Amino acid sequence: MKARVHVMLKNGVLDPQGEAVRHALGSLGFDGVNGVRQGKVIELDLAETDEAEARKTVTDMCEKLLANTVIESYSVELG
């Protein structure tokens, strides 16, 4: 089973990489971009075939390693 985890900084947490991208876009003439938030996508290929078990396992991975839950939020897609 494939899993995709989207990790983003929580609202209110400063995103210096996103701000650098916003500034660079403005420098390239892309006006009107008021904000950029940068995150990461992690794709996993799991041996698990039960969707509920896979979701539980990936959530555990996120809580322990893949996301810093103090400053980041995450969502899990299975397919």
N, C-alpha and C. Protein backbone atom coordinates (compact mmCIF):
# COMPACT_ATOMS: atom_id res chain seq x y z
N MET A 1 0.85 -1.18 0.00
CA MET A 1 0.00 0.00 0.00
C MET A 1 0.89 1.23 0.00
N LYS A 2 0.47 2.24 -0.75
CA LYS A 2 1.21 3.50 -0.81
C LYS A 2 0.61 4.48 0.20
N ALA A 3 1.48 5.25 0.80
CA ALA A 3 1.05 6.30 1.71
C ALA A 3 1.80 7.57 1.35
N ARG A 4 1.09 8.68 1.44
CA ARG A 4 1.71 9.99 1.20
C ARG A 4 1.40 10.85 2.42
N VAL A 5 2.45 11.42 2.99
CA VAL A 5 2.33 12.28 4.17
C VAL A 5 2.69 13.70 3.76
N HIS A 6 1.79 14.64 4.04
CA HIS A 6 2.03 16.06 3.79
C HIS A 6 2.33 16.71 5.14
N VAL A 7 3.49 17.36 5.25
CA VAL A 7 3.90 18.00 6.49
C VAL A 7 4.05 19.50 6.22
N MET A 8 3.38 20.30 7.04
CA MET A 8 3.44 21.76 6.90
C MET A 8 3.65 22.39 8.28
N LEU A 9 4.29 23.56 8.28
CA LEU A 9 4.38 24.30 9.53
C LEU A 9 2.98 24.74 9.95
N LYS A 10 2.73 24.73 11.24
CA LYS A 10 1.44 25.17 11.75
C LYS A 10 1.29 26.68 11.52
N ASN A 11 0.03 27.13 11.43
CA ASN A 11 -0.24 28.57 11.32
C ASN A 11 0.35 29.27 12.53
N GLY A 12 0.97 30.41 12.29
CA GLY A 12 1.58 31.18 13.36
C GLY A 12 3.05 30.89 13.54
N VAL A 13 3.55 29.81 12.94
CA VAL A 13 4.98 29.49 13.02
C VAL A 13 5.66 30.16 11.83
N LEU A 14 6.71 30.93 12.10
CA LEU A 14 7.43 31.61 11.03
C LEU A 14 8.00 30.60 10.05
N ASP A 15 7.92 30.94 8.75
CA ASP A 15 8.40 30.06 7.68
C ASP A 15 9.44 30.82 6.85
N PRO A 16 10.71 30.85 7.28
CA PRO A 16 11.72 31.62 6.56
C PRO A 16 11.94 31.11 5.12
N GLN A 17 11.82 29.82 4.89
CA GLN A 17 11.98 29.30 3.53
C GLN A 17 10.84 29.78 2.64
N GLY A 18 9.63 29.75 3.16
CA GLY A 18 8.49 30.24 2.40
C GLY A 18 8.63 31.72 2.10
N GLU A 19 9.11 32.50 3.06
CA GLU A 19 9.31 33.92 2.85
C GLU A 19 10.39 34.17 1.79
N ALA A 20 11.44 33.38 1.79
CA ALA A 20 12.50 33.51 0.77
C ALA A 20 11.94 33.21 -0.62
N VAL A 21 11.08 32.20 -0.73
CA VAL A 21 10.46 31.88 -2.01
C VAL A 21 9.55 33.02 -2.45
N ARG A 22 8.75 33.57 -1.52
CA ARG A 22 7.87 34.69 -1.86
C ARG A 22 8.67 35.87 -2.38
N HIS A 23 9.78 36.18 -1.71
CA HIS A 23 10.63 37.29 -2.12
C HIS A 23 11.23 37.02 -3.50
N ALA A 24 11.71 35.81 -3.73
CA ALA A 24 12.31 35.46 -5.02
C ALA A 24 11.28 35.53 -6.14
N LEU A 25 10.06 35.11 -5.87
CA LEU A 25 9.00 35.20 -6.89
C LEU A 25 8.74 36.66 -7.25
N GLY A 26 8.71 37.53 -6.24
CA GLY A 26 8.53 38.95 -6.50
C GLY A 26 9.67 39.52 -7.34
N SER A 27 10.89 39.09 -7.05
CA SER A 27 12.06 39.54 -7.81
C SER A 27 12.00 39.09 -9.27
N LEU A 28 11.33 37.98 -9.51
CA LEU A 28 11.19 37.47 -10.88
C LEU A 28 9.98 38.06 -11.61
N GLY A 29 9.28 38.97 -10.96
CA GLY A 29 8.16 39.63 -11.60
C GLY A 29 6.81 39.02 -11.31
N PHE A 30 6.74 38.05 -10.43
CA PHE A 30 5.46 37.44 -10.06
C PHE A 30 4.86 38.21 -8.90
N ASP A 31 4.21 39.32 -9.25
CA ASP A 31 3.60 40.18 -8.23
C ASP A 31 2.29 39.56 -7.76
N GLY A 32 1.85 39.96 -6.60
CA GLY A 32 0.57 39.51 -6.10
C GLY A 32 0.64 38.25 -5.25
N VAL A 33 1.83 37.73 -5.00
CA VAL A 33 1.97 36.58 -4.11
C VAL A 33 2.16 37.15 -2.70
N ASN A 34 1.12 37.03 -1.89
CA ASN A 34 1.15 37.65 -0.56
C ASN A 34 1.76 36.75 0.50
N GLY A 35 1.83 35.47 0.25
CA GLY A 35 2.40 34.56 1.24
C GLY A 35 2.72 33.22 0.63
N VAL A 36 3.75 32.60 1.13
CA VAL A 36 4.15 31.25 0.70
C VAL A 36 4.46 30.44 1.96
N ARG A 37 3.91 29.25 2.03
CA ARG A 37 4.25 28.31 3.09
C ARG A 37 4.89 27.10 2.41
N GLN A 38 6.03 26.69 2.87
CA GLN A 38 6.73 25.57 2.28
C GLN A 38 6.64 24.37 3.20
N GLY A 39 6.38 23.22 2.62
CA GLY A 39 6.29 22.00 3.40
C GLY A 39 7.05 20.88 2.73
N LYS A 40 6.69 19.66 3.11
CA LYS A 40 7.34 18.51 2.50
C LYS A 40 6.32 17.40 2.31
N VAL A 41 6.59 16.55 1.32
CA VAL A 41 5.76 15.38 1.05
C VAL A 41 6.66 14.17 1.19
N ILE A 42 6.19 13.18 1.94
CA ILE A 42 6.94 11.94 2.16
C ILE A 42 6.09 10.80 1.62
N GLU A 43 6.65 10.04 0.67
CA GLU A 43 5.93 8.90 0.11
C GLU A 43 6.51 7.62 0.68
N LEU A 44 5.61 6.75 1.11
CA LEU A 44 5.99 5.48 1.73
C LEU A 44 5.36 4.33 0.95
N ASP A 45 6.09 3.27 0.76
CA ASP A 45 5.56 2.05 0.16
C ASP A 45 5.51 1.02 1.28
N LEU A 46 4.30 0.70 1.72
CA LEU A 46 4.11 -0.15 2.89
C LEU A 46 3.74 -1.58 2.50
N ALA A 47 4.18 -2.53 3.29
CA ALA A 47 3.80 -3.92 3.09
C ALA A 47 2.38 -4.18 3.59
N GLU A 48 1.90 -3.34 4.49
CA GLU A 48 0.57 -3.49 5.09
C GLU A 48 -0.52 -3.40 4.01
N THR A 49 -1.52 -4.27 4.10
CA THR A 49 -2.62 -4.27 3.13
C THR A 49 -3.94 -3.78 3.75
N ASP A 50 -4.03 -3.78 5.07
CA ASP A 50 -5.23 -3.30 5.76
C ASP A 50 -5.14 -1.79 5.92
N GLU A 51 -6.13 -1.07 5.39
CA GLU A 51 -6.08 0.39 5.39
C GLU A 51 -6.06 0.97 6.80
N ALA A 52 -6.85 0.44 7.69
CA ALA A 52 -6.90 0.96 9.06
C ALA A 52 -5.56 0.77 9.76
N GLU A 53 -4.96 -0.39 9.58
CA GLU A 53 -3.65 -0.66 10.18
C GLU A 53 -2.57 0.22 9.57
N ALA A 54 -2.64 0.40 8.25
CA ALA A 54 -1.66 1.25 7.57
C ALA A 54 -1.76 2.68 8.09
N ARG A 55 -2.97 3.20 8.21
CA ARG A 55 -3.16 4.56 8.70
C ARG A 55 -2.62 4.70 10.13
N LYS A 56 -2.89 3.70 10.96
CA LYS A 56 -2.39 3.71 12.34
C LYS A 56 -0.86 3.72 12.36
N THR A 57 -0.25 2.89 11.52
CA THR A 57 1.21 2.79 11.47
C THR A 57 1.83 4.09 10.98
N VAL A 58 1.27 4.67 9.91
CA VAL A 58 1.82 5.91 9.37
C VAL A 58 1.62 7.05 10.35
N THR A 59 0.50 7.10 11.03
CA THR A 59 0.27 8.12 12.05
C THR A 59 1.32 8.00 13.15
N ASP A 60 1.61 6.79 13.56
CA ASP A 60 2.64 6.56 14.57
C ASP A 60 4.00 7.03 14.07
N MET A 61 4.31 6.77 12.80
CA MET A 61 5.57 7.24 12.20
C MET A 61 5.65 8.76 12.24
N CYS A 62 4.55 9.40 11.92
CA CYS A 62 4.51 10.86 11.92
C CYS A 62 4.74 11.42 13.32
N GLU A 63 4.06 10.83 14.29
CA GLU A 63 4.17 11.30 15.67
C GLU A 63 5.57 11.10 16.24
N LYS A 64 6.26 10.06 15.80
CA LYS A 64 7.58 9.73 16.36
C LYS A 64 8.76 10.28 15.56
N LEU A 65 8.58 10.50 14.23
CA LEU A 65 9.74 10.88 13.43
C LEU A 65 9.45 11.87 12.30
N LEU A 66 8.43 11.61 11.51
CA LEU A 66 8.27 12.33 10.26
C LEU A 66 7.84 13.79 10.43
N ALA A 67 7.17 14.12 11.51
CA ALA A 67 6.74 15.50 11.75
C ALA A 67 7.11 15.92 13.17
N ASN A 68 7.51 17.16 13.30
CA ASN A 68 7.73 17.74 14.62
C ASN A 68 6.40 18.35 15.04
N THR A 69 5.62 17.59 15.77
CA THR A 69 4.22 17.97 16.04
C THR A 69 4.08 19.21 16.91
N VAL A 70 5.16 19.71 17.46
CA VAL A 70 5.10 20.97 18.21
C VAL A 70 4.88 22.12 17.24
N ILE A 71 5.54 22.09 16.07
CA ILE A 71 5.46 23.20 15.13
C ILE A 71 4.90 22.80 13.76
N GLU A 72 4.67 21.52 13.53
CA GLU A 72 4.20 21.06 12.23
C GLU A 72 2.90 20.27 12.36
N SER A 73 2.08 20.37 11.33
CA SER A 73 0.90 19.52 11.22
C SER A 73 1.13 18.58 10.04
N TYR A 74 0.36 17.51 10.00
CA TYR A 74 0.52 16.55 8.90
C TYR A 74 -0.82 15.96 8.53
N SER A 75 -0.88 15.46 7.31
CA SER A 75 -2.05 14.71 6.86
C SER A 75 -1.55 13.48 6.12
N VAL A 76 -2.34 12.43 6.16
CA VAL A 76 -1.96 11.15 5.58
C VAL A 76 -2.96 10.78 4.49
N GLU A 77 -2.45 10.40 3.33
CA GLU A 77 -3.26 9.87 2.23
C GLU A 77 -2.83 8.42 1.99
N LEU A 78 -3.79 7.53 1.85
CA LEU A 78 -3.48 6.14 1.54
C LEU A 78 -4.06 5.80 0.18
N GLY A 79 -3.37 4.94 -0.54
CA GLY A 79 -3.89 4.55 -1.84
C GLY A 79 -3.16 3.39 -2.44
